[in-house]
Protein backbone atom coordinates (compact mmCIF):
# COMPACT_ATOMS: atom_id res chain seq x y z
CA UNK A 1 -0.23 7.11 6.86
CA UNK A 2 0.66 5.26 3.70
CA UNK A 3 3.96 3.46 3.94
CA UNK A 4 6.50 4.29 1.22
CA UNK A 5 7.21 1.66 -1.39
CA UNK A 6 9.36 -1.15 -0.02
CA UNK A 7 13.07 -1.44 -0.81
CA UNK A 8 13.52 2.16 -1.98
CA UNK A 9 16.66 2.53 -4.08
CA UNK A 10 16.74 -1.13 -5.11
CA UNK A 11 18.25 -1.75 -8.54
CA UNK A 12 19.60 -4.76 -10.40
CA UNK A 13 23.06 -3.38 -9.61
CA UNK A 14 22.67 -4.58 -5.99
CA UNK A 15 24.64 -7.74 -5.30
CA UNK A 16 22.91 -9.11 -2.20
CA UNK A 17 20.21 -8.56 0.41
CA UNK A 18 21.59 -7.94 3.91
CA UNK A 19 18.99 -7.48 6.66
CA UNK A 20 19.86 -5.99 10.06
CA UNK A 21 17.52 -5.75 13.06
CA UNK A 22 14.90 -8.22 11.85
CA UNK A 23 12.08 -10.01 13.65
CA UNK A 24 10.24 -13.28 13.13
CA UNK A 25 6.87 -13.58 11.37
CA UNK A 26 3.49 -13.29 13.09
CA UNK A 27 2.61 -15.74 15.83
CA UNK A 28 6.14 -17.14 16.29
CA UNK A 29 6.22 -18.42 19.90
CA UNK A 30 8.47 -16.33 22.17
CA UNK A 31 9.81 -14.22 19.29
CA UNK A 32 10.54 -10.61 20.17
CA UNK A 33 8.30 -8.10 18.31
CA UNK A 34 7.06 -10.77 15.88
CA UNK A 35 4.59 -9.55 13.26
CA UNK A 36 4.13 -9.52 9.49
CA UNK A 37 3.54 -6.02 8.13
CA UNK A 38 1.18 -5.09 11.01
CA UNK A 39 -0.41 -6.61 14.09
CA UNK A 40 -3.77 -6.75 12.24
CA UNK A 41 -2.34 -9.33 9.80
CA UNK A 42 -2.38 -13.00 10.81
CA UNK A 43 -0.42 -14.26 7.79
CA UNK A 44 1.04 -13.51 4.40
CA UNK A 45 1.34 -16.63 2.25
CA UNK A 46 3.28 -17.15 -0.95
CA UNK A 47 2.19 -20.27 -2.84
CA UNK A 48 0.64 -21.63 0.34
CA UNK A 49 3.64 -21.08 2.65
CA UNK A 50 3.54 -18.51 5.46
CA UNK A 51 6.13 -15.77 5.02
CA UNK A 52 7.36 -12.92 7.18
CA UNK A 53 8.73 -9.55 6.18
CA UNK A 54 12.21 -11.03 5.72
CA UNK A 55 10.98 -13.55 3.17
CA UNK A 56 8.82 -10.98 1.38
CA UNK A 57 11.88 -8.78 0.89
CA UNK A 58 13.95 -11.79 -0.20
CA UNK A 59 11.32 -12.80 -2.78
CA UNK A 60 11.13 -9.23 -4.10
CA UNK A 61 14.90 -8.95 -4.59
CA UNK A 62 14.95 -12.54 -5.85
CA UNK A 63 12.80 -11.43 -8.78
CA UNK A 64 15.81 -9.25 -9.71
CA UNK A 65 18.29 -12.13 -9.34
CA UNK A 66 19.60 -10.86 -5.99
CA UNK A 67 20.30 -13.43 -3.22
CA UNK A 68 19.42 -13.01 0.47
CA UNK A 69 22.72 -13.67 2.27
CA UNK A 70 22.51 -12.24 5.80
CA UNK A 71 20.06 -11.48 8.60
CA UNK A 72 20.54 -10.25 12.15
CA UNK A 73 17.86 -9.97 14.79
CA UNK A 74 16.45 -12.16 17.51
CA UNK A 75 17.28 -15.86 17.59
CA UNK A 76 13.82 -16.78 16.27
CA UNK A 77 14.23 -14.51 13.21
CA UNK A 78 17.66 -16.02 12.50
CA UNK A 79 16.31 -19.58 12.72
CA UNK A 80 13.43 -18.62 10.41
CA UNK A 81 15.86 -17.15 7.86
CA UNK A 82 18.09 -20.25 7.97
CA UNK A 83 15.06 -22.47 7.24
CA UNK A 84 14.46 -20.52 4.04
CA UNK A 85 18.04 -20.18 2.83
CA UNK A 86 20.33 -23.01 3.94
CA UNK A 87 23.89 -21.75 4.17
CA UNK A 88 22.98 -18.12 4.73
CA UNK A 89 24.78 -16.34 7.56
CA UNK A 90 22.87 -14.94 10.55
CA UNK A 91 23.68 -13.06 13.73
CA UNK A 92 21.37 -13.59 16.69
CA UNK A 93 21.91 -10.47 18.78
CA UNK A 94 19.10 -11.19 21.22
CA UNK A 95 16.92 -14.06 22.30
CA UNK A 96 13.22 -13.38 22.48
CA UNK A 97 11.49 -14.60 25.62
CA UNK A 98 8.16 -13.16 24.51
CA UNK A 99 6.70 -10.54 22.23
CA UNK A 100 8.03 -7.62 24.28
CA UNK A 101 10.86 -9.29 26.20
CA UNK A 102 14.35 -10.35 25.12
CA UNK A 103 17.84 -10.92 26.45
CA UNK A 104 20.24 -8.79 24.38
CA UNK A 105 23.95 -8.94 23.67
CA UNK A 106 25.86 -5.89 24.79
CA UNK A 107 25.84 -3.33 21.94
CA UNK A 108 29.60 -3.60 21.39
CA UNK A 109 29.33 -7.40 21.10
CA UNK A 110 26.30 -7.21 18.80
CA UNK A 111 28.06 -4.75 16.46
CA UNK A 112 31.19 -6.94 16.33
CA UNK A 113 29.14 -10.08 15.60
CA UNK A 114 27.19 -8.35 12.82
CA UNK A 115 30.34 -6.86 11.25
CA UNK A 116 32.22 -10.17 11.28
CA UNK A 117 29.28 -12.23 10.02
CA UNK A 118 28.41 -9.82 7.20
CA UNK A 119 31.97 -10.24 5.96
CA UNK A 120 31.50 -14.02 6.01
CA UNK A 121 28.15 -13.67 4.20
CA UNK A 122 29.66 -11.50 1.46
CA UNK A 123 32.42 -14.08 0.95
CA UNK A 124 29.74 -16.80 0.48
CA UNK A 125 27.35 -14.68 -1.61
CA UNK A 126 28.21 -16.31 -4.93
CA UNK A 127 27.12 -19.71 -3.60
CA UNK A 128 23.66 -18.59 -2.43
CA UNK A 129 20.78 -18.65 -4.92
CA UNK A 130 18.11 -15.93 -5.03
CA UNK A 131 14.73 -16.82 -3.52
CA UNK A 132 12.23 -16.92 -6.40
CA UNK A 133 8.59 -18.01 -6.13
CA UNK A 134 7.47 -20.66 -8.59
CA UNK A 135 5.05 -19.55 -11.29
CA UNK A 136 2.18 -18.78 -11.02
CA UNK A 137 2.72 -16.78 -7.84
CA UNK A 138 -0.20 -16.79 -5.42
CA UNK A 139 -0.11 -14.24 -2.61
CA UNK A 140 -2.68 -14.46 0.18
CA UNK A 141 -3.10 -12.02 3.03
CA UNK A 142 -5.13 -13.21 6.01
CA UNK A 143 -6.30 -10.63 8.56
CA UNK A 144 -7.12 -11.28 12.20
CA UNK A 145 -10.50 -9.54 11.79
CA UNK A 146 -12.70 -9.51 8.69
CA UNK A 147 -11.12 -7.36 6.00
CA UNK A 148 -12.45 -4.24 4.32
CA UNK A 149 -15.22 -4.63 1.75
CA UNK A 150 -13.06 -3.15 -1.02
CA UNK A 151 -10.24 -5.36 -2.29
CA UNK A 152 -7.16 -3.65 -3.70
CA UNK A 153 -5.48 -4.38 -7.01
CA UNK A 154 -7.91 -6.94 -8.47
CA UNK A 155 -7.57 -9.30 -5.54
CA UNK A 156 -10.03 -12.14 -5.03
CA UNK A 157 -11.77 -12.47 -1.68
CA UNK A 158 -11.31 -16.04 -0.41
CA UNK A 159 -13.32 -15.56 2.78
CA UNK A 160 -14.09 -12.73 5.22
CA UNK A 161 -10.46 -12.70 6.41
CA UNK A 162 -8.39 -13.61 3.34
CA UNK A 163 -7.68 -12.01 -0.04
CA UNK A 164 -5.70 -13.65 -2.87
CA UNK A 165 -3.73 -12.22 -5.81
CA UNK A 166 -2.21 -14.30 -8.63
CA UNK A 167 0.42 -13.30 -11.17
CA UNK A 168 3.77 -13.98 -12.81
CA UNK A 169 6.11 -12.68 -10.07
CA UNK A 170 5.91 -11.81 -6.41
CA UNK A 171 6.98 -8.28 -7.35
CA UNK A 172 3.82 -7.93 -9.43
CA UNK A 173 1.33 -9.46 -6.97
CA UNK A 174 2.84 -7.84 -3.88
CA UNK A 175 2.51 -4.37 -5.40
CA UNK A 176 -1.02 -5.09 -6.67
CA UNK A 177 -1.94 -6.16 -3.13
CA UNK A 178 -0.91 -2.68 -2.01
CA UNK A 179 -2.95 -1.02 -4.74
CA UNK A 180 0.05 0.19 -6.73
CA UNK A 181 1.84 -0.79 -9.92
CA UNK A 182 5.60 -0.51 -9.58
CA UNK A 183 7.72 -1.75 -12.46
CA UNK A 184 10.68 -4.01 -11.72
CA UNK A 185 13.71 -1.76 -11.14
CA UNK A 186 16.27 -1.49 -13.92
């Protein structure tokens, strides 16, 4: 099944990106449910740096001037987010011990932590800059197995595993990598 377009309902009227229930990127040691888009993908890279789904979403909203201010999920996801956006607020509600194993907070404690920390993040939102990729934006997707012969959206095959797209914004190249053209939301 084709996944719907990411970030449905996103407009420039949004003030901040708040992510709840997130996971770390592919191949993060001991991270619970770590992956990037699917288990068949080894890495997504933006301008040479590996990114996970959290960072992809942050770059996409960053193209609209929207900052990424909060993430909750396992401890590894929270540490990953903090490396990207110093000063952002996170809530580690579980600690991954492996891909399918984690120690969780009690639900009542996790909900309280998320609620309190989102309030802190909203209070700091004006001091957090949007994540924007430098121009030109180069997106690479590396698969674990050789990729399909057909490359979507005018991508360039780098090798049997990796395809590259280049453009002005991550919004543009990300959507071309999915074989669609979606204009920036108004």
